[in-house]
Amino acid sequence: EAAFAAADDCLWFAARTRAKPGLREASKFDSWTLVSTPKYAAAEIERVPMQDPKTGAFRPQEMSYLQEGPCAELLAAFKRLLSSREVPFPKVVYMGGQRWGSAFPAPAGVDDRDSCGRGQTTVE
């Protein structure tokens, strides 16, 4: 129903939608949400920034980048996880992705943040 891939550098966990209460019969397709490790996400955001390096403007995510990069890597990690447990891999009908770079705390020193990244507007 759900899996943790603690030994994988890319995949942190996988959650099956049908495992959620009330959603067992939600769709004729089996749907999984794959979440990367924080380390993988940080490295990917550094590799492909979410802001234009010259202007600082937000760069919209392109689905082709997501599907060919992070989605493909997470899917490969999920296949490895299932294979290691001798679980058959389901047919992929749709694959989409989302990057959540804004979920990371701002680095220390930005906007007068302290060494832990806390600023005047930090809510704990």
PDB file of N, CA and C in Angstrom:
ATOM      1  N   GLU A   1       0.805  -1.202   0.000  1.00  0.00           N
ATOM      2  CA  GLU A   1       0.000   0.000   0.000  1.00  0.00           C
ATOM      3  C   GLU A   1       0.850   1.270   0.000  1.00  0.00           C
ATOM      4  N   ALA A   2       1.975   1.224   0.676  1.00  0.00           N
ATOM      5  CA  ALA A   2       2.921   2.337   0.664  1.00  0.00           C
ATOM      6  C   ALA A   2       4.292   1.748   0.897  1.00  0.00           C
ATOM      7  N   ALA A   3       5.304   2.469   0.473  1.00  0.00           N
ATOM      8  CA  ALA A   3       6.653   1.929   0.614  1.00  0.00           C
ATOM      9  C   ALA A   3       7.632   3.052   0.919  1.00  0.00           C
ATOM     10  N   PHE A   4       8.602   2.742   1.750  1.00  0.00           N
ATOM     11  CA  PHE A   4       9.686   3.662   2.017  1.00  0.00           C
ATOM     12  C   PHE A   4      10.936   3.086   1.377  1.00  0.00           C
ATOM     13  N   ALA A   5      11.703   3.928   0.747  1.00  0.00           N
ATOM     14  CA  ALA A   5      12.911   3.475   0.055  1.00  0.00           C
ATOM     15  C   ALA A   5      14.123   4.144   0.683  1.00  0.00           C
ATOM     16  N   ALA A   6      14.313   3.913   1.951  1.00  0.00           N
ATOM     17  CA  ALA A   6      15.349   4.607   2.712  1.00  0.00           C
ATOM     18  C   ALA A   6      16.740   4.435   2.133  1.00  0.00           C
ATOM     19  N   ALA A   7      16.999   3.335   1.445  1.00  0.00           N
ATOM     20  CA  ALA A   7      18.338   3.085   0.909  1.00  0.00           C
ATOM     21  C   ALA A   7      18.538   3.731  -0.461  1.00  0.00           C
ATOM     22  N   ASP A   8      17.517   4.349  -1.012  1.00  0.00           N
ATOM     23  CA  ASP A   8      17.610   4.941  -2.349  1.00  0.00           C
ATOM     24  C   ASP A   8      17.967   6.416  -2.251  1.00  0.00           C
ATOM     25  N   ASP A   9      18.853   6.877  -3.118  1.00  0.00           N
ATOM     26  CA  ASP A   9      19.261   8.284  -3.116  1.00  0.00           C
ATOM     27  C   ASP A   9      18.213   9.196  -3.736  1.00  0.00           C
ATOM     28  N   CYS A  10      17.321   8.642  -4.526  1.00  0.00           N
ATOM     29  CA  CYS A  10      16.338   9.431  -5.260  1.00  0.00           C
ATOM     30  C   CYS A  10      14.949   9.355  -4.629  1.00  0.00           C
ATOM     31  N   LEU A  11      14.436   8.145  -4.433  1.00  0.00           N
ATOM     32  CA  LEU A  11      13.061   7.944  -3.967  1.00  0.00           C
ATOM     33  C   LEU A  11      12.999   7.858  -2.445  1.00  0.00           C
ATOM     34  N   TRP A  12      12.202   8.741  -1.861  1.00  0.00           N
ATOM     35  CA  TRP A  12      12.037   8.756  -0.413  1.00  0.00           C
ATOM     36  C   TRP A  12      10.892   7.823  -0.016  1.00  0.00           C
ATOM     37  N   PHE A  13       9.718   8.039  -0.637  1.00  0.00           N
ATOM     38  CA  PHE A  13       8.619   7.110  -0.389  1.00  0.00           C
ATOM     39  C   PHE A  13       7.636   7.121  -1.552  1.00  0.00           C
ATOM     40  N   ALA A  14       6.812   6.076  -1.571  1.00  0.00           N
ATOM     41  CA  ALA A  14       5.764   5.936  -2.579  1.00  0.00           C
ATOM     42  C   ALA A  14       4.453   5.683  -1.849  1.00  0.00           C
ATOM     43  N   ALA A  15       3.403   6.377  -2.246  1.00  0.00           N
ATOM     44  CA  ALA A  15       2.101   6.225  -1.604  1.00  0.00           C
ATOM     45  C   ALA A  15       1.054   5.857  -2.649  1.00  0.00           C
ATOM     46  N   ARG A  16       0.280   4.854  -2.367  1.00  0.00           N
ATOM     47  CA  ARG A  16      -0.757   4.374  -3.273  1.00  0.00           C
ATOM     48  C   ARG A  16      -2.071   5.069  -2.929  1.00  0.00           C
ATOM     49  N   THR A  17      -2.686   5.710  -3.912  1.00  0.00           N
ATOM     50  CA  THR A  17      -3.922   6.449  -3.666  1.00  0.00           C
ATOM     51  C   THR A  17      -5.012   5.543  -3.114  1.00  0.00           C
ATOM     52  N   ARG A  18      -5.132   4.326  -3.633  1.00  0.00           N
ATOM     53  CA  ARG A  18      -6.178   3.407  -3.166  1.00  0.00           C
ATOM     54  C   ARG A  18      -6.003   3.008  -1.702  1.00  0.00           C
ATOM     55  N   ALA A  19      -4.842   3.243  -1.128  1.00  0.00           N
ATOM     56  CA  ALA A  19      -4.609   2.901   0.272  1.00  0.00           C
ATOM     57  C   ALA A  19      -5.216   3.940   1.213  1.00  0.00           C
ATOM     58  N   LYS A  20      -5.603   5.081   0.666  1.00  0.00           N
ATOM     59  CA  LYS A  20      -6.186   6.132   1.505  1.00  0.00           C
ATOM     60  C   LYS A  20      -7.634   5.790   1.835  1.00  0.00           C
ATOM     61  N   PRO A  21      -8.075   6.115   3.040  1.00  0.00           N
ATOM     62  CA  PRO A  21      -9.459   5.810   3.435  1.00  0.00           C
ATOM     63  C   PRO A  21     -10.467   6.406   2.452  1.00  0.00           C
ATOM     64  N   GLY A  22     -11.417   5.568   2.015  1.00  0.00           N
ATOM     65  CA  GLY A  22     -12.476   6.022   1.126  1.00  0.00           C
ATOM     66  C   GLY A  22     -12.101   6.083  -0.339  1.00  0.00           C
ATOM     67  N   LEU A  23     -10.871   5.757  -0.692  1.00  0.00           N
ATOM     68  CA  LEU A  23     -10.439   5.879  -2.090  1.00  0.00           C
ATOM     69  C   LEU A  23     -10.100   4.534  -2.741  1.00  0.00           C
ATOM     70  N   ARG A  24     -10.452   3.435  -2.098  1.00  0.00           N
ATOM     71  CA  ARG A  24     -10.111   2.119  -2.653  1.00  0.00           C
ATOM     72  C   ARG A  24     -10.694   1.942  -4.054  1.00  0.00           C
ATOM     73  N   GLU A  25     -11.896   2.437  -4.303  1.00  0.00           N
ATOM     74  CA  GLU A  25     -12.542   2.290  -5.613  1.00  0.00           C
ATOM     75  C   GLU A  25     -12.618   3.624  -6.355  1.00  0.00           C
ATOM     76  N   ALA A  26     -11.717   4.535  -6.061  1.00  0.00           N
ATOM     77  CA  ALA A  26     -11.776   5.883  -6.628  1.00  0.00           C
ATOM     78  C   ALA A  26     -11.526   5.929  -8.131  1.00  0.00           C
ATOM     79  N   SER A  27     -10.801   4.971  -8.661  1.00  0.00           N
ATOM     80  CA  SER A  27     -10.450   5.016 -10.072  1.00  0.00           C
ATOM     81  C   SER A  27     -10.217   3.599 -10.580  1.00  0.00           C
ATOM     82  N   LYS A  28     -10.388   3.414 -11.886  1.00  0.00           N
ATOM     83  CA  LYS A  28     -10.079   2.104 -12.453  1.00  0.00           C
ATOM     84  C   LYS A  28      -8.569   1.923 -12.615  1.00  0.00           C
ATOM     85  N   PHE A  29      -7.828   3.022 -12.494  1.00  0.00           N
ATOM     86  CA  PHE A  29      -6.372   2.964 -12.585  1.00  0.00           C
ATOM     87  C   PHE A  29      -5.756   3.020 -11.194  1.00  0.00           C
ATOM     88  N   ASP A  30      -4.633   2.362 -11.034  1.00  0.00           N
ATOM     89  CA  ASP A  30      -3.885   2.418  -9.788  1.00  0.00           C
ATOM     90  C   ASP A  30      -3.003   3.665  -9.851  1.00  0.00           C
ATOM     91  N   SER A  31      -3.053   4.486  -8.851  1.00  0.00           N
ATOM     92  CA  SER A  31      -2.306   5.740  -8.852  1.00  0.00           C
ATOM     93  C   SER A  31      -1.322   5.771  -7.687  1.00  0.00           C
ATOM     94  N   TRP A  32      -0.075   6.110  -7.996  1.00  0.00           N
ATOM     95  CA  TRP A  32       0.962   6.207  -6.981  1.00  0.00           C
ATOM     96  C   TRP A  32       1.544   7.616  -6.976  1.00  0.00           C
ATOM     97  N   THR A  33       1.866   8.117  -5.811  1.00  0.00           N
ATOM     98  CA  THR A  33       2.590   9.375  -5.671  1.00  0.00           C
ATOM     99  C   THR A  33       3.993   9.025  -5.209  1.00  0.00           C
ATOM    100  N   LEU A  34       4.987   9.459  -5.987  1.00  0.00           N
ATOM    101  CA  LEU A  34       6.387   9.189  -5.669  1.00  0.00           C
ATOM    102  C   LEU A  34       7.020  10.488  -5.202  1.00  0.00           C
ATOM    103  N   VAL A  35       7.671  10.451  -4.065  1.00  0.00           N
ATOM    104  CA  VAL A  35       8.279  11.650  -3.482  1.00  0.00           C
ATOM    105  C   VAL A  35       9.785  11.426  -3.364  1.00  0.00           C
ATOM    106  N   SER A  36      10.529  12.400  -3.852  1.00  0.00           N
ATOM    107  CA  SER A  36      11.996  12.278  -3.815  1.00  0.00           C
ATOM    108  C   SER A  36      12.537  12.553  -2.422  1.00  0.00           C
ATOM    109  N   THR A  37      13.782  12.163  -2.229  1.00  0.00           N
ATOM    110  CA  THR A  37      14.468  12.515  -0.990  1.00  0.00           C
ATOM    111  C   THR A  37      14.743  14.017  -1.009  1.00  0.00           C
ATOM    112  N   PRO A  38      14.826  14.653   0.146  1.00  0.00           N
ATOM    113  CA  PRO A  38      15.186  16.068   0.174  1.00  0.00           C
ATOM    114  C   PRO A  38      16.540  16.324  -0.503  1.00  0.00           C
ATOM    115  N   LYS A  39      17.481  15.419  -0.331  1.00  0.00           N
ATOM    116  CA  LYS A  39      18.811  15.571  -0.939  1.00  0.00           C
ATOM    117  C   LYS A  39      18.710  15.593  -2.466  1.00  0.00           C
ATOM    118  N   TYR A  40      17.922  14.676  -3.032  1.00  0.00           N
ATOM    119  CA  TYR A  40      17.728  14.647  -4.480  1.00  0.00           C
ATOM    120  C   TYR A  40      17.054  15.940  -4.949  1.00  0.00           C
ATOM    121  N   ALA A  41      16.015  16.363  -4.243  1.00  0.00           N
ATOM    122  CA  ALA A  41      15.287  17.575  -4.629  1.00  0.00           C
ATOM    123  C   ALA A  41      16.201  18.801  -4.608  1.00  0.00           C
ATOM    124  N   ALA A  42      17.000  18.926  -3.559  1.00  0.00           N
ATOM    125  CA  ALA A  42      17.912  20.078  -3.463  1.00  0.00           C
ATOM    126  C   ALA A  42      18.932  20.055  -4.595  1.00  0.00           C
ATOM    127  N   ALA A  43      19.463  18.884  -4.904  1.00  0.00           N
ATOM    128  CA  ALA A  43      20.445  18.772  -5.984  1.00  0.00           C
ATOM    129  C   ALA A  43      19.809  19.094  -7.328  1.00  0.00           C
ATOM    130  N   GLU A  44      18.582  18.669  -7.532  1.00  0.00           N
ATOM    131  CA  GLU A  44      17.891  18.924  -8.804  1.00  0.00           C
ATOM    132  C   GLU A  44      17.566  20.407  -8.955  1.00  0.00           C
ATOM    133  N   ILE A  45      17.177  21.051  -7.871  1.00  0.00           N
ATOM    134  CA  ILE A  45      16.886  22.489  -7.945  1.00  0.00           C
ATOM    135  C   ILE A  45      18.160  23.285  -8.185  1.00  0.00           C
ATOM    136  N   GLU A  46      19.271  22.809  -7.647  1.00  0.00           N
ATOM    137  CA  GLU A  46      20.547  23.470  -7.922  1.00  0.00           C
ATOM    138  C   GLU A  46      20.954  23.246  -9.376  1.00  0.00           C
ATOM    139  N   ARG A  47      20.718  22.044  -9.887  1.00  0.00           N
ATOM    140  CA  ARG A  47      21.080  21.713 -11.267  1.00  0.00           C
ATOM    141  C   ARG A  47      20.218  22.478 -12.269  1.00  0.00           C
ATOM    142  N   VAL A  48      18.908  22.558 -11.992  1.00  0.00           N
ATOM    143  CA  VAL A  48      17.958  23.247 -12.871  1.00  0.00           C
ATOM    144  C   VAL A  48      17.199  24.255 -12.002  1.00  0.00           C
ATOM    145  N   PRO A  49      17.752  25.454 -11.835  1.00  0.00           N
ATOM    146  CA  PRO A  49      17.143  26.447 -10.933  1.00  0.00           C
ATOM    147  C   PRO A  49      15.714  26.810 -11.326  1.00  0.00           C
ATOM    148  N   MET A  50      14.956  27.190 -10.330  1.00  0.00           N
ATOM    149  CA  MET A  50      13.573  27.598 -10.545  1.00  0.00           C
ATOM    150  C   MET A  50      13.474  29.097 -10.831  1.00  0.00           C
ATOM    151  N   GLN A  51      14.614  29.789 -10.788  1.00  0.00           N
ATOM    152  CA  GLN A  51      14.646  31.214 -11.090  1.00  0.00           C
ATOM    153  C   GLN A  51      15.681  31.485 -12.160  1.00  0.00           C
ATOM    154  N   ASP A  52      15.403  32.469 -12.994  1.00  0.00           N
ATOM    155  CA  ASP A  52      16.355  32.876 -14.009  1.00  0.00           C
ATOM    156  C   ASP A  52      17.589  33.424 -13.301  1.00  0.00           C
ATOM    157  N   PRO A  53      18.782  32.920 -13.621  1.00  0.00           N
ATOM    158  CA  PRO A  53      19.984  33.358 -12.909  1.00  0.00           C
ATOM    159  C   PRO A  53      20.325  34.837 -13.104  1.00  0.00           C
ATOM    160  N   LYS A  54      19.855  35.444 -14.185  1.00  0.00           N
ATOM    161  CA  LYS A  54      20.158  36.857 -14.445  1.00  0.00           C
ATOM    162  C   LYS A  54      19.117  37.800 -13.861  1.00  0.00           C
ATOM    163  N   THR A  55      17.831  37.459 -14.045  1.00  0.00           N
ATOM    164  CA  THR A  55      16.772  38.373 -13.618  1.00  0.00           C
ATOM    165  C   THR A  55      16.143  37.996 -12.287  1.00  0.00           C
ATOM    166  N   GLY A  56      16.287  36.740 -11.875  1.00  0.00           N
ATOM    167  CA  GLY A  56      15.642  36.276 -10.655  1.00  0.00           C
ATOM    168  C   GLY A  56      14.181  35.927 -10.848  1.00  0.00           C
ATOM    169  N   ALA A  57      13.677  36.093 -12.089  1.00  0.00           N
ATOM    170  CA  ALA A  57      12.272  35.793 -12.374  1.00  0.00           C
ATOM    171  C   ALA A  57      12.022  34.291 -12.273  1.00  0.00           C
ATOM    172  N   PHE A  58      10.831  33.941 -11.828  1.00  0.00           N
ATOM    173  CA  PHE A  58      10.427  32.541 -11.726  1.00  0.00           C
ATOM    174  C   PHE A  58      10.403  31.914 -13.116  1.00  0.00           C
ATOM    175  N   ARG A  59      10.936  30.710 -13.225  1.00  0.00           N
ATOM    176  CA  ARG A  59      10.909  29.965 -14.488  1.00  0.00           C
ATOM    177  C   ARG A  59       9.847  28.877 -14.372  1.00  0.00           C
ATOM    178  N   PRO A  60       8.784  28.975 -15.165  1.00  0.00           N
ATOM    179  CA  PRO A  60       7.727  27.958 -15.088  1.00  0.00           C
ATOM    180  C   PRO A  60       8.279  26.564 -15.382  1.00  0.00           C
ATOM    181  N   GLN A  61       7.714  25.585 -14.727  1.00  0.00           N
ATOM    182  CA  GLN A  61       8.119  24.200 -14.947  1.00  0.00           C
ATOM    183  C   GLN A  61       7.583  23.725 -16.293  1.00  0.00           C
ATOM    184  N   GLU A  62       8.404  23.056 -17.038  1.00  0.00           N
ATOM    185  CA  GLU A  62       7.963  22.482 -18.299  1.00  0.00           C
ATOM    186  C   GLU A  62       7.759  20.987 -18.092  1.00  0.00           C
ATOM    187  N   MET A  63       6.604  20.482 -18.518  1.00  0.00           N
ATOM    188  CA  MET A  63       6.297  19.071 -18.301  1.00  0.00           C
ATOM    189  C   MET A  63       7.323  18.167 -18.984  1.00  0.00           C
ATOM    190  N   SER A  64       7.867  18.590 -20.127  1.00  0.00           N
ATOM    191  CA  SER A  64       8.865  17.751 -20.800  1.00  0.00           C
ATOM    192  C   SER A  64      10.095  17.568 -19.910  1.00  0.00           C
ATOM    193  N   TYR A  65      10.534  18.645 -19.249  1.00  0.00           N
ATOM    194  CA  TYR A  65      11.663  18.544 -18.320  1.00  0.00           C
ATOM    195  C   TYR A  65      11.320  17.609 -17.165  1.00  0.00           C
ATOM    196  N   LEU A  66      10.137  17.791 -16.584  1.00  0.00           N
ATOM    197  CA  LEU A  66       9.737  16.974 -15.441  1.00  0.00           C
ATOM    198  C   LEU A  66       9.658  15.503 -15.818  1.00  0.00           C
ATOM    199  N   GLN A  67       9.056  15.209 -16.971  1.00  0.00           N
ATOM    200  CA  GLN A  67       8.882  13.813 -17.366  1.00  0.00           C
ATOM    201  C   GLN A  67      10.195  13.154 -17.765  1.00  0.00           C
ATOM    202  N   GLU A  68      11.072  13.897 -18.403  1.00  0.00           N
ATOM    203  CA  GLU A  68      12.342  13.312 -18.858  1.00  0.00           C
ATOM    204  C   GLU A  68      13.400  13.299 -17.753  1.00  0.00           C
ATOM    205  N   GLY A  69      13.226  14.129 -16.747  1.00  0.00           N
ATOM    206  CA  GLY A  69      14.204  14.221 -15.663  1.00  0.00           C
ATOM    207  C   GLY A  69      13.705  13.592 -14.385  1.00  0.00           C
ATOM    208  N   PRO A  70      13.220  14.414 -13.451  1.00  0.00           N
ATOM    209  CA  PRO A  70      12.822  13.895 -12.140  1.00  0.00           C
ATOM    210  C   PRO A  70      11.792  12.762 -12.182  1.00  0.00           C
ATOM    211  N   CYS A  71      10.766  12.872 -13.025  1.00  0.00           N
ATOM    212  CA  CYS A  71       9.747  11.811 -13.071  1.00  0.00           C
ATOM    213  C   CYS A  71      10.360  10.487 -13.508  1.00  0.00           C
ATOM    214  N   ALA A  72      11.168  10.529 -14.559  1.00  0.00           N
ATOM    215  CA  ALA A  72      11.795   9.304 -15.062  1.00  0.00           C
ATOM    216  C   ALA A  72      12.721   8.691 -14.011  1.00  0.00           C
ATOM    217  N   GLU A  73      13.454   9.538 -13.296  1.00  0.00           N
ATOM    218  CA  GLU A  73      14.369   9.028 -12.269  1.00  0.00           C
ATOM    219  C   GLU A  73      13.608   8.427 -11.084  1.00  0.00           C
ATOM    220  N   LEU A  74      12.530   9.083 -10.675  1.00  0.00           N
ATOM    221  CA  LEU A  74      11.713   8.539  -9.582  1.00  0.00           C
ATOM    222  C   LEU A  74      11.037   7.235 -10.008  1.00  0.00           C
ATOM    223  N   LEU A  75      10.562   7.181 -11.248  1.00  0.00           N
ATOM    224  CA  LEU A  75       9.931   5.967 -11.738  1.00  0.00           C
ATOM    225  C   LEU A  75      10.934   4.812 -11.782  1.00  0.00           C
ATOM    226  N   ALA A  76      12.148   5.087 -12.226  1.00  0.00           N
ATOM    227  CA  ALA A  76      13.186   4.046 -12.250  1.00  0.00           C
ATOM    228  C   ALA A  76      13.493   3.554 -10.837  1.00  0.00           C
ATOM    229  N   ALA A  77      13.543   4.467  -9.882  1.00  0.00           N
ATOM    230  CA  ALA A  77      13.787   4.081  -8.488  1.00  0.00           C
ATOM    231  C   ALA A  77      12.631   3.237  -7.951  1.00  0.00           C
ATOM    232  N   PHE A  78      11.403   3.599  -8.328  1.00  0.00           N
ATOM    233  CA  PHE A  78      10.226   2.829  -7.903  1.00  0.00           C
ATOM    234  C   PHE A  78      10.275   1.420  -8.496  1.00  0.00           C
ATOM    235  N   LYS A  79      10.669   1.317  -9.754  1.00  0.00           N
ATOM    236  CA  LYS A  79      10.818  -0.004 -10.385  1.00  0.00           C
ATOM    237  C   LYS A  79      11.850  -0.841  -9.631  1.00  0.00           C
ATOM    238  N   ARG A  80      12.965  -0.219  -9.263  1.00  0.00           N
ATOM    239  CA  ARG A  80      13.991  -0.943  -8.501  1.00  0.00           C
ATOM    240  C   ARG A  80      13.430  -1.439  -7.169  1.00  0.00           C
ATOM    241  N   LEU A  81      12.662  -0.572  -6.504  1.00  0.00           N
ATOM    242  CA  LEU A  81      12.079  -0.927  -5.214  1.00  0.00           C
ATOM    243  C   LEU A  81      11.137  -2.126  -5.351  1.00  0.00           C
ATOM    244  N   LEU A  82      10.246  -2.080  -6.333  1.00  0.00           N
ATOM    245  CA  LEU A  82       9.313  -3.187  -6.525  1.00  0.00           C
ATOM    246  C   LEU A  82      10.044  -4.457  -6.941  1.00  0.00           C
ATOM    247  N   SER A  83      11.013  -4.309  -7.824  1.00  0.00           N
ATOM    248  CA  SER A  83      11.795  -5.458  -8.290  1.00  0.00           C
ATOM    249  C   SER A  83      12.522  -6.136  -7.140  1.00  0.00           C
ATOM    250  N   SER A  84      13.057  -5.352  -6.228  1.00  0.00           N
ATOM    251  CA  SER A  84      13.792  -5.915  -5.090  1.00  0.00           C
ATOM    252  C   SER A  84      12.883  -6.719  -4.171  1.00  0.00           C
ATOM    253  N   ARG A  85      11.589  -6.487  -4.275  1.00  0.00           N
ATOM    254  CA  ARG A  85      10.613  -7.214  -3.452  1.00  0.00           C
ATOM    255  C   ARG A  85       9.804  -8.202  -4.299  1.00  0.00           C
ATOM    256  N   GLU A  86      10.245  -8.379  -5.539  1.00  0.00           N
ATOM    257  CA  GLU A  86       9.593  -9.283  -6.492  1.00  0.00           C
ATOM    258  C   GLU A  86       8.112  -8.961  -6.680  1.00  0.00           C
ATOM    259  N   VAL A  87       7.799  -7.664  -6.730  1.00  0.00           N
ATOM    260  CA  VAL A  87       6.440  -7.192  -6.972  1.00  0.00           C
ATOM    261  C   VAL A  87       6.367  -6.758  -8.433  1.00  0.00           C
ATOM    262  N   PRO A  88       5.366  -7.211  -9.185  1.00  0.00           N
ATOM    263  CA  PRO A  88       5.274  -6.815 -10.594  1.00  0.00           C
ATOM    264  C   PRO A  88       5.054  -5.313 -10.735  1.00  0.00           C
ATOM    265  N   PHE A  89       5.679  -4.748 -11.745  1.00  0.00           N
ATOM    266  CA  PHE A  89       5.550  -3.308 -11.989  1.00  0.00           C
ATOM    267  C   PHE A  89       4.321  -3.060 -12.858  1.00  0.00           C
ATOM    268  N   PRO A  90       3.437  -2.142 -12.432  1.00  0.00           N
ATOM    269  CA  PRO A  90       2.214  -1.878 -13.207  1.00  0.00           C
ATOM    270  C   PRO A  90       2.508  -1.095 -14.486  1.00  0.00           C
ATOM    271  N   LYS A  91       1.597  -1.183 -15.431  1.00  0.00           N
ATOM    272  CA  LYS A  91       1.699  -0.411 -16.666  1.00  0.00           C
ATOM    273  C   LYS A  91       1.516   1.073 -16.336  1.00  0.00           C
ATOM    274  N   VAL A  92       2.377   1.919 -16.875  1.00  0.00           N
ATOM    275  CA  VAL A  92       2.266   3.367 -16.654  1.00  0.00           C
ATOM    276  C   VAL A  92       1.342   3.943 -17.723  1.00  0.00           C
ATOM    277  N   VAL A  93       0.240   4.568 -17.281  1.00  0.00           N
ATOM    278  CA  VAL A  93      -0.736   5.158 -18.181  1.00  0.00           C
ATOM    279  C   VAL A  93      -0.522   6.665 -18.287  1.00  0.00           C
ATOM    280  N   TYR A  94      -0.125   7.275 -17.197  1.00  0.00           N
ATOM    281  CA  TYR A  94       0.094   8.723 -17.154  1.00  0.00           C
ATOM    282  C   TYR A  94       1.213   9.000 -16.155  1.00  0.00           C
ATOM    283  N   MET A  95       2.019   9.997 -16.477  1.00  0.00           N
ATOM    284  CA  MET A  95       3.077  10.412 -15.554  1.00  0.00           C
ATOM    285  C   MET A  95       3.159  11.933 -15.585  1.00  0.00           C
ATOM    286  N   GLY A  96       3.050  12.534 -14.433  1.00  0.00           N
ATOM    287  CA  GLY A  96       3.163  13.978 -14.311  1.00  0.00           C
ATOM    288  C   GLY A  96       4.072  14.289 -13.138  1.00  0.00           C
ATOM    289  N   GLY A  97       4.448  15.534 -12.998  1.00  0.00           N
ATOM    290  CA  GLY A  97       5.344  15.882 -11.907  1.00  0.00           C
ATOM    291  C   GLY A  97       5.160  17.308 -11.441  1.00  0.00           C
ATOM    292  N   GLN A  98       5.719  17.581 -10.294  1.00  0.00           N
ATOM    293  CA  GLN A  98       5.658  18.911  -9.691  1.00  0.00           C
ATOM    294  C   GLN A  98       6.897  19.103  -8.844  1.00  0.00           C
ATOM    295  N   ARG A  99       7.526  20.247  -8.979  1.00  0.00           N
ATOM    296  CA  ARG A  99       8.651  20.568  -8.097  1.00  0.00           C
ATOM    297  C   ARG A  99       8.176  21.542  -7.042  1.00  0.00           C
ATOM    298  N   TRP A 100       8.630  21.327  -5.819  1.00  0.00           N
ATOM    299  CA  TRP A 100       8.212  22.165  -4.700  1.00  0.00           C
ATOM    300  C   TRP A 100       9.410  22.872  -4.088  1.00  0.00           C
ATOM    301  N   GLY A 101      10.145  23.599  -4.890  1.00  0.00           N
ATOM    302  CA  GLY A 101      11.326  24.295  -4.401  1.00  0.00           C
ATOM    303  C   GLY A 101      11.021  25.297  -3.307  1.00  0.00           C
ATOM    304  N   SER A 102       9.822  25.852  -3.306  1.00  0.00           N
ATOM    305  CA  SER A 102       9.462  26.837  -2.289  1.00  0.00           C
ATOM    306  C   SER A 102       9.274  26.204  -0.921  1.00  0.00           C
ATOM    307  N   ALA A 103       9.239  24.894  -0.859  1.00  0.00           N
ATOM    308  CA  ALA A 103       9.080  24.215   0.427  1.00  0.00           C
ATOM    309  C   ALA A 103      10.376  24.200   1.223  1.00  0.00           C
ATOM    310  N   PHE A 104      11.482  24.510   0.566  1.00  0.00           N
ATOM    311  CA  PHE A 104      12.762  24.540   1.261  1.00  0.00           C
ATOM    312  C   PHE A 104      12.900  25.851   2.026  1.00  0.00           C
ATOM    313  N   PRO A 105      13.488  25.818   3.206  1.00  0.00           N
ATOM    314  CA  PRO A 105      13.710  27.070   3.934  1.00  0.00           C
ATOM    315  C   PRO A 105      14.762  27.911   3.217  1.00  0.00           C
ATOM    316  N   ALA A 106      14.654  29.203   3.383  1.00  0.00           N
ATOM    317  CA  ALA A 106      15.652  30.103   2.796  1.00  0.00           C
ATOM    318  C   ALA A 106      16.990  29.879   3.483  1.00  0.00           C
ATOM    319  N   PRO A 107      18.067  29.993   2.746  1.00  0.00           N
ATOM    320  CA  PRO A 107      19.389  29.787   3.352  1.00  0.00           C
ATOM    321  C   PRO A 107      19.754  30.874   4.356  1.00  0.00           C
ATOM    322  N   ALA A 108      20.659  30.527   5.238  1.00  0.00           N
ATOM    323  CA  ALA A 108      21.156  31.492   6.226  1.00  0.00           C
ATOM    324  C   ALA A 108      21.741  32.690   5.498  1.00  0.00           C
ATOM    325  N   GLY A 109      21.558  33.856   6.084  1.00  0.00           N
ATOM    326  CA  GLY A 109      22.114  35.073   5.512  1.00  0.00           C
ATOM    327  C   GLY A 109      21.187  35.791   4.550  1.00  0.00           C
ATOM    328  N   VAL A 110      20.157  35.112   4.033  1.00  0.00           N
ATOM    329  CA  VAL A 110      19.217  35.742   3.118  1.00  0.00           C
ATOM    330  C   VAL A 110      18.162  36.468   3.940  1.00  0.00           C
ATOM    331  N   ASP A 111      17.901  37.719   3.612  1.00  0.00           N
ATOM    332  CA  ASP A 111      16.918  38.537   4.335  1.00  0.00           C
ATOM    333  C   ASP A 111      17.159  38.526   5.842  1.00  0.00           C
ATOM    334  N   ASP A 112      18.415  38.684   6.245  1.00  0.00           N
ATOM    335  CA  ASP A 112      18.798  38.742   7.662  1.00  0.00           C
ATOM    336  C   ASP A 112      18.457  37.476   8.440  1.00  0.00           C
ATOM    337  N   ARG A 113      18.490  36.334   7.799  1.00  0.00           N
ATOM    338  CA  ARG A 113      18.229  35.073   8.498  1.00  0.00           C
ATOM    339  C   ARG A 113      19.461  34.662   9.287  1.00  0.00           C
ATOM    340  N   ASP A 114      19.200  33.976  10.419  1.00  0.00           N
ATOM    341  CA  ASP A 114      20.309  33.545  11.266  1.00  0.00           C
ATOM    342  C   ASP A 114      20.970  32.283  10.694  1.00  0.00           C
ATOM    343  N   SER A 115      21.894  31.710  11.419  1.00  0.00           N
ATOM    344  CA  SER A 115      22.645  30.553  10.930  1.00  0.00           C
ATOM    345  C   SER A 115      21.767  29.324  10.708  1.00  0.00           C
ATOM    346  N   CYS A 116      20.563  29.308  11.273  1.00  0.00           N
ATOM    347  CA  CYS A 116      19.631  28.193  11.063  1.00  0.00           C
ATOM    348  C   CYS A 116      18.600  28.514   9.988  1.00  0.00           C
ATOM    349  N   GLY A 117      18.698  29.697   9.379  1.00  0.00           N
ATOM    350  CA  GLY A 117      17.742  30.083   8.340  1.00  0.00           C
ATOM    351  C   GLY A 117      16.490  30.753   8.857  1.00  0.00           C
ATOM    352  N   ARG A 118      16.443  31.071  10.151  1.00  0.00           N
ATOM    353  CA  ARG A 118      15.272  31.711  10.744  1.00  0.00           C
ATOM    354  C   ARG A 118      15.358  33.226  10.567  1.00  0.00           C
ATOM    355  N   GLY A 119      14.201  33.818  10.248  1.00  0.00           N
ATOM    356  CA  GLY A 119      14.115  35.263  10.124  1.00  0.00           C
ATOM    357  C   GLY A 119      12.987  35.799  10.971  1.00  0.00           C
ATOM    358  N   GLN A 120      12.702  37.093  10.828  1.00  0.00           N
ATOM    359  CA  GLN A 120      11.665  37.734  11.640  1.00  0.00           C
ATOM    360  C   GLN A 120      10.276  37.167  11.350  1.00  0.00           C
ATOM    361  N   THR A 121      10.063  36.643  10.141  1.00  0.00           N
ATOM    362  CA  THR A 121       8.743  36.118   9.793  1.00  0.00           C
ATOM    363  C   THR A 121       8.648  34.603   9.953  1.00  0.00           C
ATOM    364  N   THR A 122       9.677  33.965  10.455  1.00  0.00           N
ATOM    365  CA  THR A 122       9.666  32.503  10.627  1.00  0.00           C
ATOM    366  C   THR A 122       8.621  32.109  11.668  1.00  0.00           C
ATOM    367  N   VAL A 123       7.788  31.137  11.306  1.00  0.00           N
ATOM    368  CA  VAL A 123       6.786  30.623  12.226  1.00  0.00           C
ATOM    369  C   VAL A 123       7.209  29.214  12.613  1.00  0.00           C
ATOM    370  N   GLU A 124       7.319  28.951  13.915  1.00  0.00           N
ATOM    371  CA  GLU A 124       7.724  27.618  14.381  1.00  0.00           C
ATOM    372  C   GLU A 124       6.647  26.981  15.205  1.00  0.00           C
TER     373      GLU A 124
END
